[in-house]
Amino acid sequence: MSHSNAAALACGKFHLTPLSRPAQDGAFTAGLSIRRGRGMQTHDRVYTFVRRFTCRDSALRYAAAQARAWVANPLAFG
């Protein structure tokens, strides 16, 4: 399984990384890793989005937009 990531975004104690990976049907999926903490105290939550994309760059742009949306309103991600 291959993963690609875009430039990470730091927001306070959180580190957000947009991700994409190829799906079996040839499309790409977007994901977002939200990590906090260090060492043994690290917690990482990964969101995978349902929408499919025709190219990796589109998936990464979508994931980056979701990262910015999370920064604006973390509670919206429940």
N, C-alpha and C. Protein backbone atom coordinates (compact mmCIF):
# COMPACT_ATOMS: atom_id res chain seq x y z
N MET A 1 0.85 -1.17 0.00
CA MET A 1 0.00 0.00 0.00
C MET A 1 0.90 1.23 0.00
N SER A 2 0.63 2.13 -0.90
CA SER A 2 1.43 3.34 -1.07
C SER A 2 0.70 4.54 -0.51
N HIS A 3 1.40 5.38 0.23
CA HIS A 3 0.83 6.60 0.78
C HIS A 3 1.64 7.79 0.29
N SER A 4 0.96 8.90 0.09
CA SER A 4 1.63 10.16 -0.23
C SER A 4 1.15 11.20 0.76
N ASN A 5 2.03 12.11 1.12
CA ASN A 5 1.59 13.18 1.99
C ASN A 5 2.09 14.52 1.49
N ALA A 6 1.36 15.53 1.89
CA ALA A 6 1.70 16.90 1.52
C ALA A 6 2.34 17.57 2.72
N ALA A 7 2.67 18.81 2.58
CA ALA A 7 3.29 19.57 3.66
C ALA A 7 2.40 19.55 4.90
N ALA A 8 2.99 19.24 6.02
CA ALA A 8 2.26 19.19 7.28
C ALA A 8 2.01 20.60 7.79
N LEU A 9 1.01 20.72 8.62
CA LEU A 9 0.60 21.99 9.21
C LEU A 9 0.67 21.85 10.72
N ALA A 10 1.36 22.75 11.39
CA ALA A 10 1.43 22.74 12.84
C ALA A 10 0.46 23.79 13.38
N CYS A 11 -0.30 23.39 14.39
CA CYS A 11 -1.27 24.29 15.01
C CYS A 11 -1.25 24.03 16.51
N GLY A 12 -0.53 24.85 17.24
CA GLY A 12 -0.41 24.64 18.67
C GLY A 12 0.26 23.30 18.95
N LYS A 13 -0.38 22.45 19.74
CA LYS A 13 0.19 21.15 20.07
C LYS A 13 -0.16 20.07 19.04
N PHE A 14 -0.83 20.45 17.97
CA PHE A 14 -1.27 19.50 16.95
C PHE A 14 -0.40 19.59 15.70
N HIS A 15 -0.22 18.45 15.07
CA HIS A 15 0.53 18.34 13.82
C HIS A 15 -0.40 17.66 12.82
N LEU A 16 -0.82 18.38 11.77
CA LEU A 16 -1.78 17.86 10.80
C LEU A 16 -1.06 17.53 9.49
N THR A 17 -1.29 16.33 8.98
CA THR A 17 -0.64 15.89 7.75
C THR A 17 -1.69 15.38 6.76
N PRO A 18 -1.86 16.07 5.63
CA PRO A 18 -2.75 15.59 4.58
C PRO A 18 -2.13 14.34 3.92
N LEU A 19 -2.97 13.36 3.61
CA LEU A 19 -2.51 12.10 3.03
C LEU A 19 -3.35 11.73 1.81
N SER A 20 -2.78 10.91 0.94
CA SER A 20 -3.57 10.30 -0.13
C SER A 20 -3.02 8.91 -0.37
N ARG A 21 -3.87 8.04 -0.89
CA ARG A 21 -3.41 6.71 -1.28
C ARG A 21 -4.26 6.20 -2.43
N PRO A 22 -3.68 5.36 -3.25
CA PRO A 22 -4.44 4.83 -4.38
C PRO A 22 -5.45 3.80 -3.91
N ALA A 23 -6.62 3.81 -4.52
CA ALA A 23 -7.67 2.82 -4.24
C ALA A 23 -7.54 1.70 -5.27
N GLN A 24 -8.22 0.60 -5.03
CA GLN A 24 -8.14 -0.54 -5.94
C GLN A 24 -8.71 -0.24 -7.32
N ASP A 25 -9.63 0.71 -7.39
CA ASP A 25 -10.26 1.03 -8.68
C ASP A 25 -9.47 2.04 -9.50
N GLY A 26 -8.28 2.42 -9.05
CA GLY A 26 -7.44 3.36 -9.78
C GLY A 26 -7.63 4.80 -9.36
N ALA A 27 -8.64 5.09 -8.57
CA ALA A 27 -8.87 6.44 -8.04
C ALA A 27 -7.95 6.64 -6.83
N PHE A 28 -8.05 7.80 -6.21
CA PHE A 28 -7.27 8.10 -5.02
C PHE A 28 -8.20 8.52 -3.90
N THR A 29 -7.84 8.18 -2.68
CA THR A 29 -8.60 8.62 -1.51
C THR A 29 -7.76 9.63 -0.74
N ALA A 30 -8.44 10.47 0.02
CA ALA A 30 -7.78 11.49 0.84
C ALA A 30 -7.89 11.10 2.30
N GLY A 31 -6.92 11.50 3.07
CA GLY A 31 -6.94 11.26 4.50
C GLY A 31 -6.26 12.41 5.22
N LEU A 32 -6.45 12.44 6.52
CA LEU A 32 -5.85 13.48 7.34
C LEU A 32 -5.38 12.88 8.66
N SER A 33 -4.11 13.03 8.95
CA SER A 33 -3.55 12.59 10.22
C SER A 33 -3.46 13.80 11.15
N ILE A 34 -4.02 13.66 12.35
CA ILE A 34 -3.94 14.71 13.37
C ILE A 34 -3.22 14.09 14.56
N ARG A 35 -2.00 14.56 14.80
CA ARG A 35 -1.16 13.99 15.84
C ARG A 35 -0.85 15.02 16.91
N ARG A 36 -0.78 14.54 18.13
CA ARG A 36 -0.35 15.41 19.23
C ARG A 36 0.50 14.59 20.18
N GLY A 37 1.31 15.26 20.95
CA GLY A 37 2.17 14.60 21.91
C GLY A 37 3.53 14.25 21.33
N ARG A 38 4.36 13.64 22.18
CA ARG A 38 5.70 13.25 21.78
C ARG A 38 6.06 11.91 22.41
N GLY A 39 6.91 11.19 21.72
CA GLY A 39 7.43 9.94 22.27
C GLY A 39 6.33 8.95 22.60
N MET A 40 6.38 8.41 23.80
CA MET A 40 5.41 7.40 24.24
C MET A 40 4.02 8.00 24.47
N GLN A 41 3.92 9.30 24.51
CA GLN A 41 2.65 9.97 24.76
C GLN A 41 1.99 10.49 23.48
N THR A 42 2.36 9.95 22.33
CA THR A 42 1.81 10.41 21.06
C THR A 42 0.45 9.78 20.80
N HIS A 43 -0.47 10.61 20.35
CA HIS A 43 -1.81 10.15 19.95
C HIS A 43 -2.03 10.62 18.51
N ASP A 44 -2.41 9.69 17.64
CA ASP A 44 -2.61 10.02 16.23
C ASP A 44 -4.01 9.57 15.81
N ARG A 45 -4.78 10.50 15.32
CA ARG A 45 -6.12 10.19 14.79
C ARG A 45 -6.06 10.39 13.28
N VAL A 46 -6.49 9.38 12.54
CA VAL A 46 -6.45 9.46 11.09
C VAL A 46 -7.88 9.41 10.55
N TYR A 47 -8.23 10.42 9.78
CA TYR A 47 -9.54 10.47 9.11
C TYR A 47 -9.34 10.07 7.66
N THR A 48 -10.20 9.20 7.16
CA THR A 48 -10.21 8.83 5.75
C THR A 48 -11.53 9.31 5.17
N PHE A 49 -11.47 10.03 4.09
CA PHE A 49 -12.66 10.62 3.50
C PHE A 49 -13.23 9.73 2.39
N VAL A 50 -14.52 9.75 2.23
CA VAL A 50 -15.23 8.87 1.30
C VAL A 50 -15.01 9.28 -0.15
N ARG A 51 -14.94 10.55 -0.41
CA ARG A 51 -14.82 11.06 -1.78
C ARG A 51 -13.61 10.46 -2.51
N ARG A 52 -13.77 10.15 -3.80
CA ARG A 52 -12.69 9.63 -4.64
C ARG A 52 -12.19 10.71 -5.59
N PHE A 53 -10.92 10.63 -5.95
CA PHE A 53 -10.30 11.63 -6.81
C PHE A 53 -9.58 10.94 -7.97
N THR A 54 -9.49 11.64 -9.10
CA THR A 54 -8.84 11.05 -10.27
C THR A 54 -7.33 11.14 -10.22
N CYS A 55 -6.79 12.03 -9.38
CA CYS A 55 -5.33 12.13 -9.27
C CYS A 55 -4.93 12.37 -7.81
N ARG A 56 -3.69 12.02 -7.53
CA ARG A 56 -3.15 12.14 -6.17
C ARG A 56 -3.16 13.58 -5.70
N ASP A 57 -2.80 14.52 -6.58
CA ASP A 57 -2.73 15.92 -6.18
C ASP A 57 -4.09 16.47 -5.75
N SER A 58 -5.13 16.07 -6.43
CA SER A 58 -6.48 16.51 -6.04
C SER A 58 -6.85 15.97 -4.67
N ALA A 59 -6.50 14.72 -4.40
CA ALA A 59 -6.77 14.13 -3.09
C ALA A 59 -6.01 14.86 -2.00
N LEU A 60 -4.74 15.21 -2.28
CA LEU A 60 -3.94 15.93 -1.28
C LEU A 60 -4.48 17.34 -1.05
N ARG A 61 -4.92 18.01 -2.11
CA ARG A 61 -5.50 19.35 -1.94
C ARG A 61 -6.76 19.28 -1.08
N TYR A 62 -7.59 18.27 -1.31
CA TYR A 62 -8.81 18.10 -0.52
C TYR A 62 -8.45 17.84 0.95
N ALA A 63 -7.47 16.97 1.18
CA ALA A 63 -7.05 16.67 2.55
C ALA A 63 -6.48 17.91 3.23
N ALA A 64 -5.73 18.73 2.49
CA ALA A 64 -5.19 19.96 3.06
C ALA A 64 -6.31 20.94 3.40
N ALA A 65 -7.34 21.01 2.56
CA ALA A 65 -8.49 21.87 2.84
C ALA A 65 -9.21 21.38 4.10
N GLN A 66 -9.30 20.07 4.27
CA GLN A 66 -9.93 19.52 5.48
C GLN A 66 -9.09 19.83 6.71
N ALA A 67 -7.76 19.85 6.55
CA ALA A 67 -6.88 20.23 7.68
C ALA A 67 -7.15 21.67 8.09
N ARG A 68 -7.27 22.56 7.11
CA ARG A 68 -7.56 23.96 7.43
C ARG A 68 -8.95 24.09 8.08
N ALA A 69 -9.91 23.30 7.63
CA ALA A 69 -11.25 23.31 8.23
C ALA A 69 -11.18 22.82 9.68
N TRP A 70 -10.34 21.82 9.94
CA TRP A 70 -10.19 21.31 11.30
C TRP A 70 -9.60 22.38 12.20
N VAL A 71 -8.59 23.10 11.70
CA VAL A 71 -7.97 24.18 12.49
C VAL A 71 -9.02 25.22 12.84
N ALA A 72 -9.89 25.56 11.89
CA ALA A 72 -10.93 26.57 12.12
C ALA A 72 -12.00 26.10 13.10
N ASN A 73 -12.30 24.77 13.09
CA ASN A 73 -13.38 24.25 13.93
C ASN A 73 -13.15 22.77 14.25
N PRO A 74 -12.29 22.45 15.21
CA PRO A 74 -12.00 21.05 15.53
C PRO A 74 -13.22 20.24 15.95
N LEU A 75 -14.17 20.88 16.58
CA LEU A 75 -15.35 20.15 17.05
C LEU A 75 -16.23 19.65 15.92
N ALA A 76 -16.10 20.21 14.74
CA ALA A 76 -16.90 19.77 13.60
C ALA A 76 -16.52 18.36 13.16
N PHE A 77 -15.33 17.89 13.53
CA PHE A 77 -14.88 16.55 13.14
C PHE A 77 -15.31 15.48 14.14
N GLY A 78 -15.90 15.90 15.25
CA GLY A 78 -16.45 14.99 16.26
C GLY A 78 -15.56 13.91 16.62
